[in-house]
Amino acid sequence: MPTSTLEEQHQRRAAIAELLGAHPIRRQSDLVERLCSLGYGATQSSVSRDFRDLGVAKQNGRYVLPAQIAGVDIHSLQSSGEFIRNIAAAGPNMLVITTAIGAAQRVALTLDRLSWPEVVGTLSGDDTIFVATTTLANQRRLKQRLEHSLTKGTT
């Protein structure tokens, strides 16, 4: 496993930001190849960590930085709604949202940026999002709010 100094990490992340702004990067492996060709030590694992720390998300089939992500509002949630397959309660403080394959990060990022008080945080995979709430009442309120927002277009 490659190790890097903090300075090398900062330089690699600056290169990632530049590459994402200049090229439509659709796969992490493509970015790893570009970084290695520029002389940066990079693996899929290091790029994945860099993406997490930089807040990179996948939008319209390509990786983008937070500054490149379109404004997030209820309309963003509605457009994300086309990817949502199911919303289910899981215990008293958790919702599980299943999405189309590859859409979970986009939907989770939208939920995070809406800053709804019911949402403590999200954890997303490829097609599943865990949404933590503080109470059962908040979980129920959030589920209703999501379902209403996705079907009616209001908060």
C-alpha atoms as a PDB file:
ATOM      1  CA  MET A   1       0.000   0.000   0.000  1.00  0.00           C
ATOM      2  CA  PRO A   2       1.589   3.284  -1.047  1.00  0.00           C
ATOM      3  CA  THR A   3       2.166   5.885   1.589  1.00  0.00           C
ATOM      4  CA  SER A   4       2.354   9.576   0.895  1.00  0.00           C
ATOM      5  CA  THR A   5       3.308  12.642   2.785  1.00  0.00           C
ATOM      6  CA  LEU A   6       0.744  15.279   3.522  1.00  0.00           C
ATOM      7  CA  GLU A   7       2.327  17.538   0.896  1.00  0.00           C
ATOM      8  CA  GLU A   8       2.141  14.800  -1.766  1.00  0.00           C
ATOM      9  CA  GLN A   9      -1.494  14.225  -0.813  1.00  0.00           C
ATOM     10  CA  HIS A  10      -2.291  17.935  -1.216  1.00  0.00           C
ATOM     11  CA  GLN A  11      -0.529  18.026  -4.576  1.00  0.00           C
ATOM     12  CA  ARG A  12      -2.373  14.907  -5.779  1.00  0.00           C
ATOM     13  CA  ARG A  13      -5.699  16.364  -4.668  1.00  0.00           C
ATOM     14  CA  ALA A  14      -4.966  19.623  -6.460  1.00  0.00           C
ATOM     15  CA  ALA A  15      -4.203  17.594  -9.585  1.00  0.00           C
ATOM     16  CA  ILE A  16      -7.471  15.683  -9.137  1.00  0.00           C
ATOM     17  CA  ALA A  17      -9.400  18.947  -8.902  1.00  0.00           C
ATOM     18  CA  GLU A  18      -7.712  20.236 -12.040  1.00  0.00           C
ATOM     19  CA  LEU A  19      -8.350  17.015 -13.965  1.00  0.00           C
ATOM     20  CA  LEU A  20     -12.003  16.843 -12.914  1.00  0.00           C
ATOM     21  CA  GLY A  21     -12.490  20.422 -14.057  1.00  0.00           C
ATOM     22  CA  ALA A  22     -10.802  19.849 -17.401  1.00  0.00           C
ATOM     23  CA  HIS A  23     -11.910  16.337 -18.379  1.00  0.00           C
ATOM     24  CA  PRO A  24     -15.089  14.259 -18.070  1.00  0.00           C
ATOM     25  CA  ILE A  25     -13.750  11.545 -15.750  1.00  0.00           C
ATOM     26  CA  ARG A  26     -16.253   8.691 -15.696  1.00  0.00           C
ATOM     27  CA  ARG A  27     -14.242   5.957 -13.945  1.00  0.00           C
ATOM     28  CA  GLN A  28     -11.811   6.115 -11.055  1.00  0.00           C
ATOM     29  CA  SER A  29      -9.416   3.891 -13.004  1.00  0.00           C
ATOM     30  CA  ASP A  30      -9.230   6.557 -15.732  1.00  0.00           C
ATOM     31  CA  LEU A  31      -8.261   9.133 -13.134  1.00  0.00           C
ATOM     32  CA  VAL A  32      -5.641   6.807 -11.621  1.00  0.00           C
ATOM     33  CA  GLU A  33      -4.075   6.403 -15.086  1.00  0.00           C
ATOM     34  CA  ARG A  34      -4.026  10.166 -15.672  1.00  0.00           C
ATOM     35  CA  LEU A  35      -2.514  10.847 -12.246  1.00  0.00           C
ATOM     36  CA  CYS A  36       0.184   8.199 -12.730  1.00  0.00           C
ATOM     37  CA  SER A  37       1.047   9.628 -16.160  1.00  0.00           C
ATOM     38  CA  LEU A  38       1.572  12.998 -14.437  1.00  0.00           C
ATOM     39  CA  GLY A  39       3.896  11.399 -11.893  1.00  0.00           C
ATOM     40  CA  TYR A  40       1.524  11.163  -8.929  1.00  0.00           C
ATOM     41  CA  GLY A  41       1.413   7.976  -6.897  1.00  0.00           C
ATOM     42  CA  ALA A  42      -2.215   6.914  -7.033  1.00  0.00           C
ATOM     43  CA  THR A  43      -4.272   3.776  -6.619  1.00  0.00           C
ATOM     44  CA  GLN A  44      -8.003   3.231  -6.812  1.00  0.00           C
ATOM     45  CA  SER A  45      -8.054   3.171  -3.008  1.00  0.00           C
ATOM     46  CA  SER A  46      -6.180   6.466  -2.650  1.00  0.00           C
ATOM     47  CA  VAL A  47      -8.393   8.116  -5.276  1.00  0.00           C
ATOM     48  CA  SER A  48     -11.489   6.822  -3.498  1.00  0.00           C
ATOM     49  CA  ARG A  49     -10.257   8.375  -0.217  1.00  0.00           C
ATOM     50  CA  ASP A  50      -9.380  11.601  -2.030  1.00  0.00           C
ATOM     51  CA  PHE A  51     -12.865  11.719  -3.555  1.00  0.00           C
ATOM     52  CA  ARG A  52     -14.437  11.252  -0.137  1.00  0.00           C
ATOM     53  CA  ASP A  53     -12.310  13.965   1.455  1.00  0.00           C
ATOM     54  CA  LEU A  54     -12.794  16.382  -1.457  1.00  0.00           C
ATOM     55  CA  GLY A  55     -16.564  15.795  -1.525  1.00  0.00           C
ATOM     56  CA  VAL A  56     -16.494  14.511  -5.100  1.00  0.00           C
ATOM     57  CA  ALA A  57     -19.788  13.100  -6.355  1.00  0.00           C
ATOM     58  CA  LYS A  58     -20.909  11.442  -9.535  1.00  0.00           C
ATOM     59  CA  GLN A  59     -23.308  13.557 -11.577  1.00  0.00           C
ATOM     60  CA  ASN A  60     -24.553  12.818 -15.073  1.00  0.00           C
ATOM     61  CA  GLY A  61     -22.140   9.911 -15.354  1.00  0.00           C
ATOM     62  CA  ARG A  62     -18.980  11.826 -14.433  1.00  0.00           C
ATOM     63  CA  TYR A  63     -17.155  12.760 -11.264  1.00  0.00           C
ATOM     64  CA  VAL A  64     -17.519  16.380 -10.167  1.00  0.00           C
ATOM     65  CA  LEU A  65     -16.276  18.556  -7.318  1.00  0.00           C
ATOM     66  CA  PRO A  66     -18.786  20.148  -4.937  1.00  0.00           C
ATOM     67  CA  ALA A  67     -18.315  23.520  -6.672  1.00  0.00           C
ATOM     68  CA  GLN A  68     -19.357  21.925  -9.978  1.00  0.00           C
ATOM     69  CA  ILE A  69     -22.542  20.405  -8.589  1.00  0.00           C
ATOM     70  CA  ALA A  70     -25.698  22.181  -9.619  1.00  0.00           C
ATOM     71  CA  GLY A  71     -27.522  24.127  -6.908  1.00  0.00           C
ATOM     72  CA  VAL A  72     -29.312  21.837  -4.505  1.00  0.00           C
ATOM     73  CA  ASP A  73     -32.896  22.576  -3.637  1.00  0.00           C
ATOM     74  CA  ILE A  74     -36.179  20.748  -3.641  1.00  0.00           C
ATOM     75  CA  HIS A  75     -36.032  20.591  -7.432  1.00  0.00           C
ATOM     76  CA  SER A  76     -32.751  18.692  -7.137  1.00  0.00           C
ATOM     77  CA  LEU A  77     -34.495  16.223  -4.851  1.00  0.00           C
ATOM     78  CA  GLN A  78     -37.326  15.882  -7.331  1.00  0.00           C
ATOM     79  CA  SER A  79     -34.877  15.205 -10.155  1.00  0.00           C
ATOM     80  CA  SER A  80     -33.110  12.700  -7.874  1.00  0.00           C
ATOM     81  CA  GLY A  81     -36.505  11.116  -7.284  1.00  0.00           C
ATOM     82  CA  GLU A  82     -36.380   9.410 -10.657  1.00  0.00           C
ATOM     83  CA  PHE A  83     -33.550   7.291  -9.210  1.00  0.00           C
ATOM     84  CA  ILE A  84     -35.247   6.402  -5.908  1.00  0.00           C
ATOM     85  CA  ARG A  85     -36.765   2.932  -5.871  1.00  0.00           C
ATOM     86  CA  ASN A  86     -37.878   2.532  -2.248  1.00  0.00           C
ATOM     87  CA  ILE A  87     -37.869   4.272   1.143  1.00  0.00           C
ATOM     88  CA  ALA A  88     -38.153   1.988   4.172  1.00  0.00           C
ATOM     89  CA  ALA A  89     -37.861   2.386   7.935  1.00  0.00           C
ATOM     90  CA  ALA A  90     -35.105   0.334   9.580  1.00  0.00           C
ATOM     91  CA  GLY A  91     -35.325   0.543  13.339  1.00  0.00           C
ATOM     92  CA  PRO A  92     -36.294   3.683  15.216  1.00  0.00           C
ATOM     93  CA  ASN A  93     -33.587   6.009  13.870  1.00  0.00           C
ATOM     94  CA  MET A  94     -32.821   4.886  10.341  1.00  0.00           C
ATOM     95  CA  LEU A  95     -34.282   5.056   6.872  1.00  0.00           C
ATOM     96  CA  VAL A  96     -32.978   2.916   4.052  1.00  0.00           C
ATOM     97  CA  ILE A  97     -33.377   4.378   0.585  1.00  0.00           C
ATOM     98  CA  THR A  98     -32.713   2.154  -2.392  1.00  0.00           C
ATOM     99  CA  THR A  99     -31.883   3.781  -5.703  1.00  0.00           C
ATOM    100  CA  ALA A 100     -30.982   2.885  -9.233  1.00  0.00           C
ATOM    101  CA  ILE A 101     -27.481   1.449  -9.495  1.00  0.00           C
ATOM    102  CA  GLY A 102     -24.906   4.221  -9.181  1.00  0.00           C
ATOM    103  CA  ALA A 103     -27.362   6.886  -8.003  1.00  0.00           C
ATOM    104  CA  ALA A 104     -27.058   6.605  -4.214  1.00  0.00           C
ATOM    105  CA  GLN A 105     -24.217   9.112  -3.843  1.00  0.00           C
ATOM    106  CA  ARG A 106     -26.056  11.768  -5.824  1.00  0.00           C
ATOM    107  CA  VAL A 107     -29.268  11.325  -3.831  1.00  0.00           C
ATOM    108  CA  ALA A 108     -27.391  11.255  -0.493  1.00  0.00           C
ATOM    109  CA  LEU A 109     -25.484  14.413  -1.388  1.00  0.00           C
ATOM    110  CA  THR A 110     -28.762  16.125  -2.250  1.00  0.00           C
ATOM    111  CA  LEU A 111     -30.227  15.106   1.125  1.00  0.00           C
ATOM    112  CA  ASP A 112     -27.117  16.325   2.949  1.00  0.00           C
ATOM    113  CA  ARG A 113     -27.199  19.682   1.214  1.00  0.00           C
ATOM    114  CA  LEU A 114     -30.884  20.261   1.852  1.00  0.00           C
ATOM    115  CA  SER A 115     -29.961  20.442   5.568  1.00  0.00           C
ATOM    116  CA  TRP A 116     -33.332  19.185   6.732  1.00  0.00           C
ATOM    117  CA  PRO A 117     -33.453  19.075  10.542  1.00  0.00           C
ATOM    118  CA  GLU A 118     -34.613  15.436  10.583  1.00  0.00           C
ATOM    119  CA  VAL A 119     -31.399  14.250   8.894  1.00  0.00           C
ATOM    120  CA  VAL A 120     -28.420  13.630  11.168  1.00  0.00           C
ATOM    121  CA  GLY A 121     -26.341  12.167   8.344  1.00  0.00           C
ATOM    122  CA  THR A 122     -26.238   9.851   5.384  1.00  0.00           C
ATOM    123  CA  LEU A 123     -24.090   6.933   4.334  1.00  0.00           C
ATOM    124  CA  SER A 124     -24.305   5.806   0.738  1.00  0.00           C
ATOM    125  CA  GLY A 125     -23.102   2.918  -1.295  1.00  0.00           C
ATOM    126  CA  ASP A 126     -23.796   2.266  -4.939  1.00  0.00           C
ATOM    127  CA  ASP A 127     -27.560   1.796  -4.732  1.00  0.00           C
ATOM    128  CA  THR A 128     -28.388   2.099  -1.028  1.00  0.00           C
ATOM    129  CA  ILE A 129     -28.458   5.019   1.388  1.00  0.00           C
ATOM    130  CA  PHE A 130     -28.723   4.830   5.167  1.00  0.00           C
ATOM    131  CA  VAL A 131     -30.213   8.023   6.597  1.00  0.00           C
ATOM    132  CA  ALA A 132     -29.808   8.516  10.347  1.00  0.00           C
ATOM    133  CA  THR A 133     -32.389  10.455  12.340  1.00  0.00           C
ATOM    134  CA  THR A 134     -32.405  11.348  16.039  1.00  0.00           C
ATOM    135  CA  THR A 135     -35.825   9.971  16.938  1.00  0.00           C
ATOM    136  CA  LEU A 136     -38.566   7.713  15.670  1.00  0.00           C
ATOM    137  CA  ALA A 137     -40.762  10.786  15.204  1.00  0.00           C
ATOM    138  CA  ASN A 138     -38.097  12.418  13.015  1.00  0.00           C
ATOM    139  CA  GLN A 139     -37.719   9.201  11.047  1.00  0.00           C
ATOM    140  CA  ARG A 140     -41.446   9.106  10.315  1.00  0.00           C
ATOM    141  CA  ARG A 141     -41.539  12.827   9.528  1.00  0.00           C
ATOM    142  CA  LEU A 142     -38.587  12.474   7.139  1.00  0.00           C
ATOM    143  CA  LYS A 143     -40.130   9.484   5.365  1.00  0.00           C
ATOM    144  CA  GLN A 144     -43.377  11.382   4.870  1.00  0.00           C
ATOM    145  CA  ARG A 145     -41.523  14.521   3.787  1.00  0.00           C
ATOM    146  CA  LEU A 146     -39.473  12.589   1.228  1.00  0.00           C
ATOM    147  CA  GLU A 147     -42.480  10.752  -0.171  1.00  0.00           C
ATOM    148  CA  HIS A 148     -44.486  13.976  -0.360  1.00  0.00           C
ATOM    149  CA  SER A 149     -41.636  15.934  -1.933  1.00  0.00           C
ATOM    150  CA  LEU A 150     -41.013  13.282  -4.550  1.00  0.00           C
ATOM    151  CA  THR A 151     -44.667  12.928  -5.533  1.00  0.00           C
ATOM    152  CA  LYS A 152     -46.023  16.445  -5.009  1.00  0.00           C
ATOM    153  CA  GLY A 153     -42.976  18.667  -5.475  1.00  0.00           C
ATOM    154  CA  THR A 154     -43.335  20.600  -2.215  1.00  0.00           C
ATOM    155  CA  THR A 155     -41.500  20.583   1.095  1.00  0.00           C
END
